[in-house]
Amino acid sequence: LQDILPAASEEELQQPTRIRMMQYLIGEATPTLLVSENLYLLDIAPSGTIVNGLTELITLDNAGHFLSLERTYGLAGSGAKIYQLATGSATDTSGIATLKGDISRIHPIQKKLLLDLSELGIYLDNLEGIELGPRLSDGSQSLLLVSDDNFREEQVTQFILFRVE
């Protein structure tokens, strides 16, 4: 859920987009349970950005740890960043009606940048998916990113595989 409308002023463009992230516990024997709602601050979009967003989240464990994939597209091309998230010290916002206005008393989800894919020197397209893959032959974890071509000839479907250390 996103609580804030697209930026209407230059000042708003210099602020992170506020996203409400909802964490659920889902089990076969028990009903789905909302564990918490937390504030996720999307990176401020670089100048010339047309699209900026959180495209994917994956769960790492049941203790509030995730990986996120943030993506930008603009005049300089596509960019993407992978973050490790921790919700443990974030404020539960389930009792807060809106995330507009003053959020100084709200502790957001902790984000740690793991990889800025634009620094790899490879062509990046419309990256939309991230998933933990199988263990590799050396025992390390694999991580797979995927883009789609949006049914457009000028775009490509792209798979990028990483070894996680």
N, C-alpha and C. Protein backbone atom coordinates (compact mmCIF):
# COMPACT_ATOMS: atom_id res chain seq x y z
N LEU A 1 0.84 -1.17 0.00
CA LEU A 1 0.00 0.00 0.00
C LEU A 1 0.87 1.23 0.00
N GLN A 2 0.54 2.18 -0.82
CA GLN A 2 1.30 3.41 -0.87
C GLN A 2 0.40 4.53 -0.40
N ASP A 3 0.84 5.30 0.59
CA ASP A 3 0.00 6.30 1.22
C ASP A 3 0.10 7.68 0.61
N ILE A 4 1.07 7.92 -0.23
CA ILE A 4 1.31 9.28 -0.68
C ILE A 4 1.11 9.36 -2.19
N LEU A 5 0.54 10.44 -2.64
CA LEU A 5 0.32 10.64 -4.07
C LEU A 5 1.63 11.03 -4.73
N PRO A 6 1.71 10.93 -6.07
CA PRO A 6 2.93 11.37 -6.75
C PRO A 6 3.28 12.80 -6.36
N ALA A 7 4.55 13.10 -6.33
CA ALA A 7 5.02 14.41 -5.89
C ALA A 7 4.41 15.53 -6.73
N ALA A 8 3.96 16.57 -6.03
CA ALA A 8 3.33 17.70 -6.71
C ALA A 8 4.24 18.92 -6.71
N SER A 9 5.31 18.91 -5.94
CA SER A 9 6.19 20.06 -5.86
C SER A 9 7.64 19.61 -5.90
N GLU A 10 8.53 20.57 -6.16
CA GLU A 10 9.96 20.28 -6.19
C GLU A 10 10.44 19.77 -4.83
N GLU A 11 9.90 20.33 -3.75
CA GLU A 11 10.27 19.89 -2.40
C GLU A 11 9.90 18.43 -2.17
N GLU A 12 8.73 18.02 -2.64
CA GLU A 12 8.31 16.62 -2.48
C GLU A 12 9.19 15.68 -3.29
N LEU A 13 9.73 16.15 -4.41
CA LEU A 13 10.61 15.32 -5.22
C LEU A 13 11.91 15.00 -4.49
N GLN A 14 12.28 15.81 -3.51
CA GLN A 14 13.52 15.61 -2.76
C GLN A 14 13.30 14.76 -1.50
N GLN A 15 12.12 14.17 -1.35
CA GLN A 15 11.80 13.33 -0.21
C GLN A 15 11.59 11.89 -0.68
N PRO A 16 11.96 10.91 0.14
CA PRO A 16 11.69 9.52 -0.24
C PRO A 16 10.19 9.26 -0.31
N THR A 17 9.79 8.43 -1.26
CA THR A 17 8.40 8.01 -1.33
C THR A 17 8.12 7.10 -0.14
N ARG A 18 6.98 7.27 0.48
CA ARG A 18 6.60 6.51 1.67
C ARG A 18 5.69 5.36 1.27
N ILE A 19 6.09 4.17 1.63
CA ILE A 19 5.31 2.97 1.31
C ILE A 19 4.99 2.25 2.61
N ARG A 20 3.76 1.82 2.74
CA ARG A 20 3.36 1.03 3.92
C ARG A 20 3.53 -0.44 3.55
N MET A 21 4.43 -1.12 4.24
CA MET A 21 4.67 -2.54 3.99
C MET A 21 3.95 -3.36 5.05
N MET A 22 3.19 -4.33 4.60
CA MET A 22 2.41 -5.17 5.52
C MET A 22 3.02 -6.56 5.54
N GLN A 23 3.29 -7.05 6.75
CA GLN A 23 3.89 -8.37 6.93
C GLN A 23 2.85 -9.31 7.53
N TYR A 24 2.62 -10.44 6.85
CA TYR A 24 1.63 -11.42 7.29
C TYR A 24 2.28 -12.73 7.65
N LEU A 25 1.65 -13.45 8.56
CA LEU A 25 2.00 -14.83 8.87
C LEU A 25 0.93 -15.69 8.22
N ILE A 26 1.35 -16.55 7.30
CA ILE A 26 0.41 -17.38 6.56
C ILE A 26 0.72 -18.83 6.85
N GLY A 27 -0.28 -19.56 7.31
CA GLY A 27 -0.09 -20.97 7.62
C GLY A 27 -1.30 -21.77 7.19
N GLU A 28 -1.08 -23.05 6.95
CA GLU A 28 -2.18 -23.91 6.53
C GLU A 28 -3.15 -24.21 7.66
N ALA A 29 -2.64 -24.36 8.87
CA ALA A 29 -3.48 -24.75 10.01
C ALA A 29 -4.07 -23.55 10.75
N THR A 30 -3.57 -22.35 10.46
CA THR A 30 -4.04 -21.16 11.17
C THR A 30 -4.50 -20.11 10.17
N PRO A 31 -5.37 -19.21 10.60
CA PRO A 31 -5.79 -18.14 9.69
C PRO A 31 -4.64 -17.16 9.44
N THR A 32 -4.70 -16.48 8.31
CA THR A 32 -3.69 -15.48 7.98
C THR A 32 -3.73 -14.38 9.04
N LEU A 33 -2.54 -13.97 9.50
CA LEU A 33 -2.44 -13.01 10.59
C LEU A 33 -1.53 -11.86 10.17
N LEU A 34 -2.03 -10.63 10.32
CA LEU A 34 -1.20 -9.45 10.08
C LEU A 34 -0.24 -9.31 11.25
N VAL A 35 1.07 -9.39 10.97
CA VAL A 35 2.09 -9.29 12.01
C VAL A 35 2.40 -7.83 12.30
N SER A 36 2.62 -7.05 11.23
CA SER A 36 2.92 -5.63 11.42
C SER A 36 2.77 -4.88 10.10
N GLU A 37 2.63 -3.58 10.24
CA GLU A 37 2.70 -2.66 9.11
C GLU A 37 3.84 -1.71 9.43
N ASN A 38 4.69 -1.46 8.44
CA ASN A 38 5.86 -0.63 8.68
C ASN A 38 6.09 0.33 7.53
N LEU A 39 6.80 1.40 7.83
CA LEU A 39 7.14 2.41 6.84
C LEU A 39 8.40 2.00 6.08
N TYR A 40 8.27 1.91 4.76
CA TYR A 40 9.40 1.64 3.86
C TYR A 40 9.65 2.93 3.11
N LEU A 41 10.87 3.44 3.17
CA LEU A 41 11.23 4.66 2.46
C LEU A 41 11.96 4.30 1.17
N LEU A 42 11.30 4.56 0.07
CA LEU A 42 11.88 4.31 -1.25
C LEU A 42 12.96 5.35 -1.51
N ASP A 43 14.07 4.94 -2.11
CA ASP A 43 15.14 5.89 -2.42
C ASP A 43 14.60 7.06 -3.23
N ILE A 44 15.21 8.22 -3.03
CA ILE A 44 14.87 9.39 -3.83
C ILE A 44 15.32 9.13 -5.26
N ALA A 45 14.45 9.41 -6.20
CA ALA A 45 14.74 9.15 -7.61
C ALA A 45 15.81 10.10 -8.12
N PRO A 46 16.76 9.57 -8.91
CA PRO A 46 17.76 10.45 -9.52
C PRO A 46 17.09 11.44 -10.48
N SER A 47 17.74 12.56 -10.72
CA SER A 47 17.22 13.55 -11.66
C SER A 47 16.98 12.91 -13.02
N GLY A 48 15.89 13.24 -13.66
CA GLY A 48 15.56 12.68 -14.97
C GLY A 48 14.83 11.36 -14.92
N THR A 49 14.46 10.91 -13.72
CA THR A 49 13.76 9.63 -13.57
C THR A 49 12.30 9.78 -13.97
N ILE A 50 11.82 8.81 -14.74
CA ILE A 50 10.42 8.77 -15.15
C ILE A 50 9.65 7.81 -14.26
N VAL A 51 10.24 6.65 -13.96
CA VAL A 51 9.61 5.63 -13.12
C VAL A 51 10.57 5.27 -11.99
N ASN A 52 10.05 5.22 -10.77
CA ASN A 52 10.84 4.86 -9.60
C ASN A 52 9.94 4.03 -8.70
N GLY A 53 10.37 2.81 -8.33
CA GLY A 53 9.48 2.02 -7.50
C GLY A 53 10.12 0.81 -6.87
N LEU A 54 9.39 0.27 -5.93
CA LEU A 54 9.72 -1.00 -5.29
C LEU A 54 9.02 -2.07 -6.11
N THR A 55 9.79 -2.93 -6.77
CA THR A 55 9.17 -3.90 -7.68
C THR A 55 9.02 -5.28 -7.09
N GLU A 56 9.80 -5.62 -6.07
CA GLU A 56 9.73 -6.99 -5.53
C GLU A 56 10.30 -7.04 -4.13
N LEU A 57 9.70 -7.90 -3.31
CA LEU A 57 10.19 -8.24 -1.97
C LEU A 57 10.23 -9.75 -1.86
N ILE A 58 11.27 -10.28 -1.23
CA ILE A 58 11.28 -11.71 -0.91
C ILE A 58 11.62 -11.87 0.57
N THR A 59 11.02 -12.87 1.17
CA THR A 59 11.22 -13.18 2.58
C THR A 59 12.48 -14.01 2.75
N LEU A 60 13.31 -13.63 3.71
CA LEU A 60 14.51 -14.41 4.02
C LEU A 60 14.27 -15.35 5.19
N ASP A 61 13.39 -14.96 6.11
CA ASP A 61 13.10 -15.77 7.29
C ASP A 61 11.77 -15.33 7.89
N ASN A 62 11.40 -15.90 9.02
CA ASN A 62 10.17 -15.51 9.70
C ASN A 62 10.40 -14.45 10.77
N ALA A 63 11.57 -13.84 10.76
CA ALA A 63 11.93 -12.86 11.79
C ALA A 63 11.96 -11.43 11.25
N GLY A 64 11.35 -11.19 10.09
CA GLY A 64 11.26 -9.84 9.56
C GLY A 64 12.43 -9.41 8.71
N HIS A 65 13.10 -10.36 8.05
CA HIS A 65 14.21 -10.03 7.16
C HIS A 65 13.79 -10.33 5.72
N PHE A 66 14.07 -9.37 4.84
CA PHE A 66 13.65 -9.45 3.45
C PHE A 66 14.76 -8.94 2.54
N LEU A 67 14.63 -9.22 1.25
CA LEU A 67 15.39 -8.54 0.22
C LEU A 67 14.40 -7.73 -0.60
N SER A 68 14.79 -6.53 -0.98
CA SER A 68 13.94 -5.71 -1.84
C SER A 68 14.69 -5.36 -3.12
N LEU A 69 13.92 -5.19 -4.17
CA LEU A 69 14.44 -4.75 -5.47
C LEU A 69 13.77 -3.43 -5.80
N GLU A 70 14.57 -2.37 -5.85
CA GLU A 70 14.07 -1.05 -6.25
C GLU A 70 14.58 -0.78 -7.65
N ARG A 71 13.71 -0.18 -8.47
CA ARG A 71 14.04 0.02 -9.88
C ARG A 71 13.74 1.45 -10.28
N THR A 72 14.59 1.99 -11.16
CA THR A 72 14.35 3.30 -11.76
C THR A 72 14.46 3.19 -13.27
N TYR A 73 13.77 4.08 -13.95
CA TYR A 73 13.91 4.21 -15.39
C TYR A 73 13.80 5.69 -15.71
N GLY A 74 14.69 6.15 -16.57
CA GLY A 74 14.65 7.56 -16.92
C GLY A 74 15.53 7.88 -18.11
N LEU A 75 15.90 9.13 -18.20
CA LEU A 75 16.68 9.61 -19.33
C LEU A 75 18.04 8.92 -19.42
N ALA A 76 18.58 8.49 -18.28
CA ALA A 76 19.88 7.82 -18.25
C ALA A 76 19.76 6.31 -18.40
N GLY A 77 18.55 5.79 -18.60
CA GLY A 77 18.35 4.35 -18.73
C GLY A 77 17.78 3.75 -17.47
N SER A 78 17.97 2.45 -17.32
CA SER A 78 17.41 1.72 -16.18
C SER A 78 18.45 1.56 -15.08
N GLY A 79 17.98 1.52 -13.86
CA GLY A 79 18.83 1.25 -12.71
C GLY A 79 18.09 0.34 -11.75
N ALA A 80 18.83 -0.35 -10.90
CA ALA A 80 18.21 -1.23 -9.91
C ALA A 80 19.15 -1.39 -8.73
N LYS A 81 18.55 -1.53 -7.54
CA LYS A 81 19.32 -1.74 -6.32
C LYS A 81 18.67 -2.85 -5.52
N ILE A 82 19.51 -3.66 -4.88
CA ILE A 82 19.04 -4.72 -3.99
C ILE A 82 19.39 -4.31 -2.56
N TYR A 83 18.38 -4.37 -1.69
CA TYR A 83 18.56 -4.03 -0.28
C TYR A 83 18.22 -5.22 0.60
N GLN A 84 18.90 -5.31 1.73
CA GLN A 84 18.51 -6.23 2.80
C GLN A 84 17.71 -5.40 3.79
N LEU A 85 16.54 -5.92 4.19
CA LEU A 85 15.64 -5.20 5.08
C LEU A 85 15.53 -5.91 6.42
N ALA A 86 15.33 -5.11 7.47
CA ALA A 86 15.05 -5.64 8.80
C ALA A 86 13.92 -4.82 9.41
N THR A 87 12.84 -5.48 9.78
CA THR A 87 11.67 -4.78 10.32
C THR A 87 11.65 -4.73 11.85
N GLY A 88 12.58 -5.41 12.50
CA GLY A 88 12.54 -5.56 13.96
C GLY A 88 12.44 -4.28 14.75
N SER A 89 13.15 -3.23 14.35
CA SER A 89 13.12 -1.98 15.12
C SER A 89 12.20 -0.93 14.50
N ALA A 90 11.47 -1.31 13.44
CA ALA A 90 10.57 -0.36 12.77
C ALA A 90 9.29 -0.19 13.58
N THR A 91 8.74 1.01 13.53
CA THR A 91 7.48 1.31 14.20
C THR A 91 6.34 0.58 13.50
N ASP A 92 5.48 -0.05 14.28
CA ASP A 92 4.27 -0.66 13.72
C ASP A 92 3.30 0.47 13.40
N THR A 93 2.99 0.65 12.13
CA THR A 93 2.13 1.75 11.70
C THR A 93 0.67 1.33 11.50
N SER A 94 0.31 0.14 11.97
CA SER A 94 -1.06 -0.35 11.75
C SER A 94 -2.11 0.54 12.41
N GLY A 95 -1.75 1.28 13.44
CA GLY A 95 -2.69 2.19 14.10
C GLY A 95 -2.61 3.62 13.60
N ILE A 96 -1.80 3.86 12.57
CA ILE A 96 -1.62 5.20 12.02
C ILE A 96 -2.39 5.27 10.71
N ALA A 97 -3.35 6.18 10.63
CA ALA A 97 -4.26 6.23 9.48
C ALA A 97 -3.54 6.61 8.18
N THR A 98 -2.59 7.53 8.25
CA THR A 98 -1.91 7.98 7.04
C THR A 98 -0.43 8.22 7.34
N LEU A 99 0.39 8.06 6.32
CA LEU A 99 1.82 8.33 6.45
C LEU A 99 2.18 9.67 5.84
N LYS A 100 1.18 10.48 5.52
CA LYS A 100 1.42 11.84 5.03
C LYS A 100 1.77 12.71 6.22
N GLY A 101 2.45 13.80 5.97
CA GLY A 101 2.77 14.73 7.05
C GLY A 101 4.03 14.33 7.81
N ASP A 102 4.09 14.74 9.07
CA ASP A 102 5.27 14.53 9.91
C ASP A 102 5.42 13.05 10.28
N ILE A 103 6.56 12.48 9.91
CA ILE A 103 6.84 11.08 10.24
C ILE A 103 8.08 10.96 11.13
N SER A 104 8.46 12.06 11.76
CA SER A 104 9.71 12.07 12.54
C SER A 104 9.69 11.08 13.71
N ARG A 105 8.52 10.70 14.19
CA ARG A 105 8.45 9.75 15.31
C ARG A 105 8.28 8.31 14.84
N ILE A 106 8.25 8.12 13.55
CA ILE A 106 8.10 6.77 13.00
C ILE A 106 9.47 6.26 12.58
N HIS A 107 9.87 5.12 13.10
CA HIS A 107 11.13 4.50 12.70
C HIS A 107 10.85 3.61 11.49
N PRO A 108 11.47 3.92 10.34
CA PRO A 108 11.22 3.11 9.15
C PRO A 108 11.95 1.77 9.20
N ILE A 109 11.63 0.93 8.26
CA ILE A 109 12.34 -0.34 8.07
C ILE A 109 13.80 -0.02 7.80
N GLN A 110 14.70 -0.77 8.42
CA GLN A 110 16.13 -0.59 8.17
C GLN A 110 16.48 -1.19 6.82
N LYS A 111 17.21 -0.40 6.02
CA LYS A 111 17.63 -0.84 4.69
C LYS A 111 19.16 -0.82 4.62
N LYS A 112 19.72 -1.90 4.10
CA LYS A 112 21.16 -1.96 3.88
C LYS A 112 21.38 -2.27 2.40
N LEU A 113 22.06 -1.37 1.70
CA LEU A 113 22.32 -1.58 0.28
C LEU A 113 23.29 -2.74 0.11
N LEU A 114 22.86 -3.75 -0.63
CA LEU A 114 23.72 -4.89 -0.93
C LEU A 114 24.39 -4.73 -2.28
N LEU A 115 23.64 -4.20 -3.25
CA LEU A 115 24.20 -4.09 -4.60
C LEU A 115 23.46 -3.03 -5.39
N ASP A 116 24.23 -2.11 -5.99
CA ASP A 116 23.70 -1.16 -6.96
C ASP A 116 24.07 -1.73 -8.33
N LEU A 117 23.10 -2.29 -9.01
CA LEU A 117 23.37 -2.98 -10.27
C LEU A 117 23.90 -2.06 -11.36
N SER A 118 23.66 -0.76 -11.26
CA SER A 118 24.17 0.16 -12.27
C SER A 118 25.69 0.24 -12.22
N GLU A 119 26.31 -0.21 -11.13
CA GLU A 119 27.77 -0.19 -11.01
C GLU A 119 28.43 -1.40 -11.66
N LEU A 120 27.63 -2.35 -12.16
CA LEU A 120 28.19 -3.57 -12.75
C LEU A 120 28.64 -3.38 -14.20
N GLY A 121 28.21 -2.31 -14.83
CA GLY A 121 28.61 -2.07 -16.21
C GLY A 121 27.92 -2.97 -17.21
N ILE A 122 26.75 -3.49 -16.86
CA ILE A 122 25.99 -4.33 -17.79
C ILE A 122 24.68 -3.63 -18.13
N TYR A 123 24.10 -4.00 -19.27
CA TYR A 123 22.82 -3.45 -19.67
C TYR A 123 21.74 -3.95 -18.72
N LEU A 124 20.93 -3.05 -18.21
CA LEU A 124 19.81 -3.41 -17.35
C LEU A 124 18.52 -3.05 -18.05
N ASP A 125 17.57 -3.96 -18.03
CA ASP A 125 16.27 -3.67 -18.60
C ASP A 125 15.26 -3.54 -17.47
N ASN A 126 14.07 -3.93 -17.71
CA ASN A 126 12.91 -3.75 -16.85
C ASN A 126 12.90 -4.79 -15.72
N LEU A 127 13.90 -4.73 -14.82
CA LEU A 127 14.00 -5.74 -13.75
C LEU A 127 12.79 -5.67 -12.83
N GLU A 128 12.12 -6.81 -12.67
CA GLU A 128 10.89 -6.85 -11.89
C GLU A 128 10.86 -7.96 -10.86
N GLY A 129 11.71 -8.96 -10.99
CA GLY A 129 11.63 -10.10 -10.09
C GLY A 129 12.96 -10.43 -9.46
N ILE A 130 12.90 -10.95 -8.24
CA ILE A 130 14.08 -11.40 -7.51
C ILE A 130 13.67 -12.65 -6.73
N GLU A 131 14.52 -13.65 -6.74
CA GLU A 131 14.19 -14.90 -6.05
C GLU A 131 15.48 -15.61 -5.64
N LEU A 132 15.45 -16.23 -4.47
CA LEU A 132 16.56 -17.09 -4.08
C LEU A 132 16.48 -18.34 -4.93
N GLY A 133 17.59 -18.69 -5.56
CA GLY A 133 17.63 -19.87 -6.40
C GLY A 133 18.21 -21.05 -5.65
N PRO A 134 18.56 -22.08 -6.39
CA PRO A 134 19.12 -23.28 -5.75
C PRO A 134 20.53 -23.03 -5.23
N ARG A 135 20.98 -23.92 -4.38
CA ARG A 135 22.37 -23.90 -3.94
C ARG A 135 23.25 -24.25 -5.13
N LEU A 136 24.38 -23.57 -5.23
CA LEU A 136 25.33 -23.83 -6.31
C LEU A 136 26.26 -24.97 -5.91
N SER A 137 27.06 -25.43 -6.86
CA SER A 137 27.93 -26.59 -6.61
C SER A 137 28.92 -26.37 -5.48
N ASP A 138 29.28 -25.10 -5.21
CA ASP A 138 30.20 -24.81 -4.10
C ASP A 138 29.46 -24.65 -2.76
N GLY A 139 28.14 -24.85 -2.77
CA GLY A 139 27.34 -24.76 -1.56
C GLY A 139 26.76 -23.38 -1.29
N SER A 140 27.18 -22.38 -2.06
CA SER A 140 26.68 -21.03 -1.83
C SER A 140 25.26 -20.87 -2.40
N GLN A 141 24.58 -19.86 -1.90
CA GLN A 141 23.21 -19.56 -2.32
C GLN A 141 23.24 -18.79 -3.65
N SER A 142 22.30 -19.08 -4.53
CA SER A 142 22.16 -18.29 -5.75
C SER A 142 21.00 -17.31 -5.60
N LEU A 143 21.08 -16.23 -6.35
CA LEU A 143 20.04 -15.21 -6.37
C LEU A 143 19.78 -14.87 -7.83
N LEU A 144 18.52 -14.89 -8.23
CA LEU A 144 18.14 -14.70 -9.62
C LEU A 144 17.29 -13.43 -9.75
N LEU A 145 17.67 -12.59 -10.71
CA LEU A 145 16.87 -11.42 -11.07
C LEU A 145 16.31 -11.64 -12.46
N VAL A 146 15.12 -11.10 -12.72
CA VAL A 146 14.49 -11.28 -14.02
C VAL A 146 13.80 -9.99 -14.45
N SER A 147 13.88 -9.74 -15.75
CA SER A 147 13.13 -8.64 -16.36
C SER A 147 12.21 -9.24 -17.42
N ASP A 148 11.27 -8.45 -17.87
CA ASP A 148 10.48 -8.90 -19.01
C ASP A 148 10.56 -7.85 -20.11
N ASP A 149 10.17 -8.25 -21.29
CA ASP A 149 10.31 -7.36 -22.44
C ASP A 149 9.06 -6.52 -22.71
N ASN A 150 8.04 -6.65 -21.87
CA ASN A 150 6.80 -5.89 -22.04
C ASN A 150 6.22 -6.03 -23.45
N PHE A 151 6.52 -7.16 -24.10
CA PHE A 151 6.05 -7.43 -25.46
C PHE A 151 6.51 -6.36 -26.45
N ARG A 152 7.70 -5.80 -26.20
CA ARG A 152 8.24 -4.75 -27.06
C ARG A 152 9.56 -5.22 -27.65
N GLU A 153 9.73 -5.03 -28.94
CA GLU A 153 10.94 -5.47 -29.63
C GLU A 153 12.20 -4.80 -29.10
N GLU A 154 12.10 -3.56 -28.65
CA GLU A 154 13.30 -2.84 -28.20
C GLU A 154 13.71 -3.21 -26.77
N GLN A 155 12.93 -4.05 -26.10
CA GLN A 155 13.29 -4.52 -24.77
C GLN A 155 13.63 -6.01 -24.82
N VAL A 156 14.29 -6.48 -23.76
CA VAL A 156 14.69 -7.89 -23.71
C VAL A 156 14.20 -8.53 -22.42
N THR A 157 13.99 -9.83 -22.48
CA THR A 157 13.80 -10.61 -21.26
C THR A 157 15.20 -10.94 -20.76
N GLN A 158 15.45 -10.70 -19.52
CA GLN A 158 16.81 -10.80 -18.98
C GLN A 158 16.79 -11.61 -17.70
N PHE A 159 17.73 -12.54 -17.58
CA PHE A 159 17.95 -13.29 -16.34
C PHE A 159 19.37 -12.99 -15.88
N ILE A 160 19.52 -12.61 -14.63
CA ILE A 160 20.84 -12.32 -14.08
C ILE A 160 21.00 -13.19 -12.83
N LEU A 161 22.03 -14.03 -12.82
CA LEU A 161 22.26 -14.96 -11.73
C LEU A 161 23.48 -14.52 -10.92
N PHE A 162 23.34 -14.51 -9.60
CA PHE A 162 24.42 -14.14 -8.70
C PHE A 162 24.70 -15.27 -7.72
N ARG A 163 25.93 -15.32 -7.27
CA ARG A 163 26.30 -16.19 -6.16
C ARG A 163 26.36 -15.30 -4.92
N VAL A 164 25.65 -15.68 -3.88
CA VAL A 164 25.59 -14.89 -2.65
C VAL A 164 26.62 -15.44 -1.67
N GLU A 165 27.46 -14.58 -1.15
CA GLU A 165 28.48 -15.00 -0.18
C GLU A 165 28.05 -14.66 1.22
